[in-house]
C-alpha atoms as a PDB file:
ATOM      1  CA  MET A   1      13.743 -11.186 -15.632  1.00  0.00           C
ATOM      2  CA  SER A   2      14.456 -11.733 -11.937  1.00  0.00           C
ATOM      3  CA  ILE A   3      12.295 -10.144  -9.261  1.00  0.00           C
ATOM      4  CA  GLU A   4      15.323  -8.219  -8.005  1.00  0.00           C
ATOM      5  CA  LEU A   5      15.962  -6.752 -11.455  1.00  0.00           C
ATOM      6  CA  GLN A   6      12.296  -5.785 -11.870  1.00  0.00           C
ATOM      7  CA  ILE A   7      12.411  -3.954  -8.517  1.00  0.00           C
ATOM      8  CA  ARG A   8      15.671  -2.177  -9.403  1.00  0.00           C
ATOM      9  CA  GLU A   9      14.336  -1.098 -12.803  1.00  0.00           C
ATOM     10  CA  TYR A  10      11.139   0.216 -11.229  1.00  0.00           C
ATOM     11  CA  LEU A  11      13.102   2.225  -8.657  1.00  0.00           C
ATOM     12  CA  ILE A  12      15.533   3.662 -11.192  1.00  0.00           C
ATOM     13  CA  GLN A  13      12.859   4.647 -13.712  1.00  0.00           C
ATOM     14  CA  ASN A  14       9.948   5.662 -11.451  1.00  0.00           C
ATOM     15  CA  VAL A  15      11.423   6.747  -8.134  1.00  0.00           C
ATOM     16  CA  LEU A  16      14.915   7.974  -8.969  1.00  0.00           C
ATOM     17  CA  PHE A  17      13.847   9.177 -12.433  1.00  0.00           C
ATOM     18  CA  SER A  18      17.145   8.213 -13.962  1.00  0.00           C
ATOM     19  CA  ASP A  19      18.320   6.299 -16.996  1.00  0.00           C
ATOM     20  CA  ASN A  20      21.730   5.944 -15.398  1.00  0.00           C
ATOM     21  CA  ALA A  21      22.446   3.181 -12.937  1.00  0.00           C
ATOM     22  CA  PHE A  22      22.066   4.586  -9.436  1.00  0.00           C
ATOM     23  CA  GLU A  23      24.631   2.933  -7.202  1.00  0.00           C
ATOM     24  CA  PHE A  24      22.885   0.892  -4.548  1.00  0.00           C
ATOM     25  CA  ASP A  25      23.296  -2.677  -3.437  1.00  0.00           C
ATOM     26  CA  ASN A  26      20.390  -5.110  -3.209  1.00  0.00           C
ATOM     27  CA  ASN A  27      20.868  -5.159   0.579  1.00  0.00           C
ATOM     28  CA  ASP A  28      20.968  -1.359   0.993  1.00  0.00           C
ATOM     29  CA  SER A  29      18.181   0.175   3.050  1.00  0.00           C
ATOM     30  CA  PHE A  30      15.926   2.271   0.818  1.00  0.00           C
ATOM     31  CA  LEU A  31      15.267   4.735   3.635  1.00  0.00           C
ATOM     32  CA  GLU A  32      18.832   5.000   4.950  1.00  0.00           C
ATOM     33  CA  LYS A  33      20.240   5.520   1.431  1.00  0.00           C
ATOM     34  CA  GLY A  34      17.550   8.080   0.611  1.00  0.00           C
ATOM     35  CA  ILE A  35      16.305   5.987  -2.300  1.00  0.00           C
ATOM     36  CA  ILE A  36      12.652   6.309  -1.298  1.00  0.00           C
ATOM     37  CA  ASP A  37      10.521   8.319   1.101  1.00  0.00           C
ATOM     38  CA  SER A  38       7.157   7.501   2.669  1.00  0.00           C
ATOM     39  CA  VAL A  39       5.218   8.519  -0.449  1.00  0.00           C
ATOM     40  CA  ALA A  40       7.444   6.389  -2.666  1.00  0.00           C
ATOM     41  CA  VAL A  41       6.872   3.427  -0.330  1.00  0.00           C
ATOM     42  CA  MET A  42       3.164   3.583  -1.142  1.00  0.00           C
ATOM     43  CA  GLU A  43       3.947   3.789  -4.865  1.00  0.00           C
ATOM     44  CA  LEU A  44       6.237   0.775  -4.457  1.00  0.00           C
ATOM     45  CA  VAL A  45       3.412  -1.130  -2.752  1.00  0.00           C
ATOM     46  CA  LEU A  46       1.118  -0.379  -5.708  1.00  0.00           C
ATOM     47  CA  PHE A  47       3.817  -1.500  -8.142  1.00  0.00           C
ATOM     48  CA  VAL A  48       4.253  -4.808  -6.301  1.00  0.00           C
ATOM     49  CA  GLU A  49       0.505  -5.413  -6.141  1.00  0.00           C
ATOM     50  CA  GLU A  50       0.073  -4.765  -9.854  1.00  0.00           C
ATOM     51  CA  GLN A  51       3.279  -6.335 -11.161  1.00  0.00           C
ATOM     52  CA  PHE A  52       3.145  -9.507  -9.084  1.00  0.00           C
ATOM     53  CA  ASN A  53      -0.621  -9.792  -8.542  1.00  0.00           C
ATOM     54  CA  ILE A  54      -0.315  -9.696  -4.745  1.00  0.00           C
ATOM     55  CA  ALA A  55      -2.740  -8.021  -2.340  1.00  0.00           C
ATOM     56  CA  ILE A  56      -0.728  -6.329   0.413  1.00  0.00           C
ATOM     57  CA  THR A  57      -2.213  -5.452   3.789  1.00  0.00           C
ATOM     58  CA  ASP A  58      -1.173  -2.445   5.868  1.00  0.00           C
ATOM     59  CA  HIS A  59       0.519  -4.616   8.501  1.00  0.00           C
ATOM     60  CA  GLU A  60       2.821  -6.067   5.807  1.00  0.00           C
ATOM     61  CA  ILE A  61       4.236  -2.640   4.882  1.00  0.00           C
ATOM     62  CA  ILE A  62       7.194  -2.829   7.237  1.00  0.00           C
ATOM     63  CA  PRO A  63      10.962  -2.445   6.745  1.00  0.00           C
ATOM     64  CA  ASP A  64      11.448  -6.218   6.978  1.00  0.00           C
ATOM     65  CA  ASN A  65       9.453  -6.480   3.747  1.00  0.00           C
ATOM     66  CA  PHE A  66       9.975  -3.158   1.958  1.00  0.00           C
ATOM     67  CA  ASP A  67      13.356  -1.637   2.868  1.00  0.00           C
ATOM     68  CA  SER A  68      15.735  -3.249   0.377  1.00  0.00           C
ATOM     69  CA  VAL A  69      15.641  -5.002  -2.962  1.00  0.00           C
ATOM     70  CA  ASN A  70      16.445  -8.332  -1.333  1.00  0.00           C
ATOM     71  CA  ASN A  71      13.879  -7.919   1.473  1.00  0.00           C
ATOM     72  CA  LEU A  72      11.190  -7.039  -1.035  1.00  0.00           C
ATOM     73  CA  ALA A  73      12.089  -9.879  -3.414  1.00  0.00           C
ATOM     74  CA  HIS A  74      11.988 -12.333  -0.503  1.00  0.00           C
ATOM     75  CA  PHE A  75       8.572 -10.978   0.553  1.00  0.00           C
ATOM     76  CA  ILE A  76       7.217 -11.270  -3.009  1.00  0.00           C
ATOM     77  CA  ARG A  77       8.472 -14.835  -3.366  1.00  0.00           C
ATOM     78  CA  SER A  78       6.982 -15.863  -0.020  1.00  0.00           C
ATOM     79  CA  ARG A  79       3.606 -14.385  -1.009  1.00  0.00           C
ATOM     80  CA  GLN A  80       3.699 -16.081  -4.418  1.00  0.00           C
ATOM     81  CA  ASN A  81       4.539 -19.420  -2.806  1.00  0.00           C
ATOM     82  CA  ASN A  82       1.623 -19.084  -0.361  1.00  0.00           C
ATOM     83  CA  LYS A  83      -0.915 -18.377  -3.135  1.00  0.00           C
ATOM     84  CA  GLY A  84      -1.055 -21.908  -4.452  1.00  0.00           C
END
């Protein structure tokens, strides 16, 4: 399963609490679309740390990394590539 799909499934099931597909594009801003709030951002950070075995520092929790499916997937991939 792609990273993007894992992120979307997490958001739909754990943040939006829906079994139906919520209409948002992978480039849509989570905050601007009202998909997540500040509390949900922290839950998303925990999900990423656990799901992808990545330790995330406070200075990495920025919109460039955490404000869309594509931004987050790019961040995860860059962290995975830097582990080895």
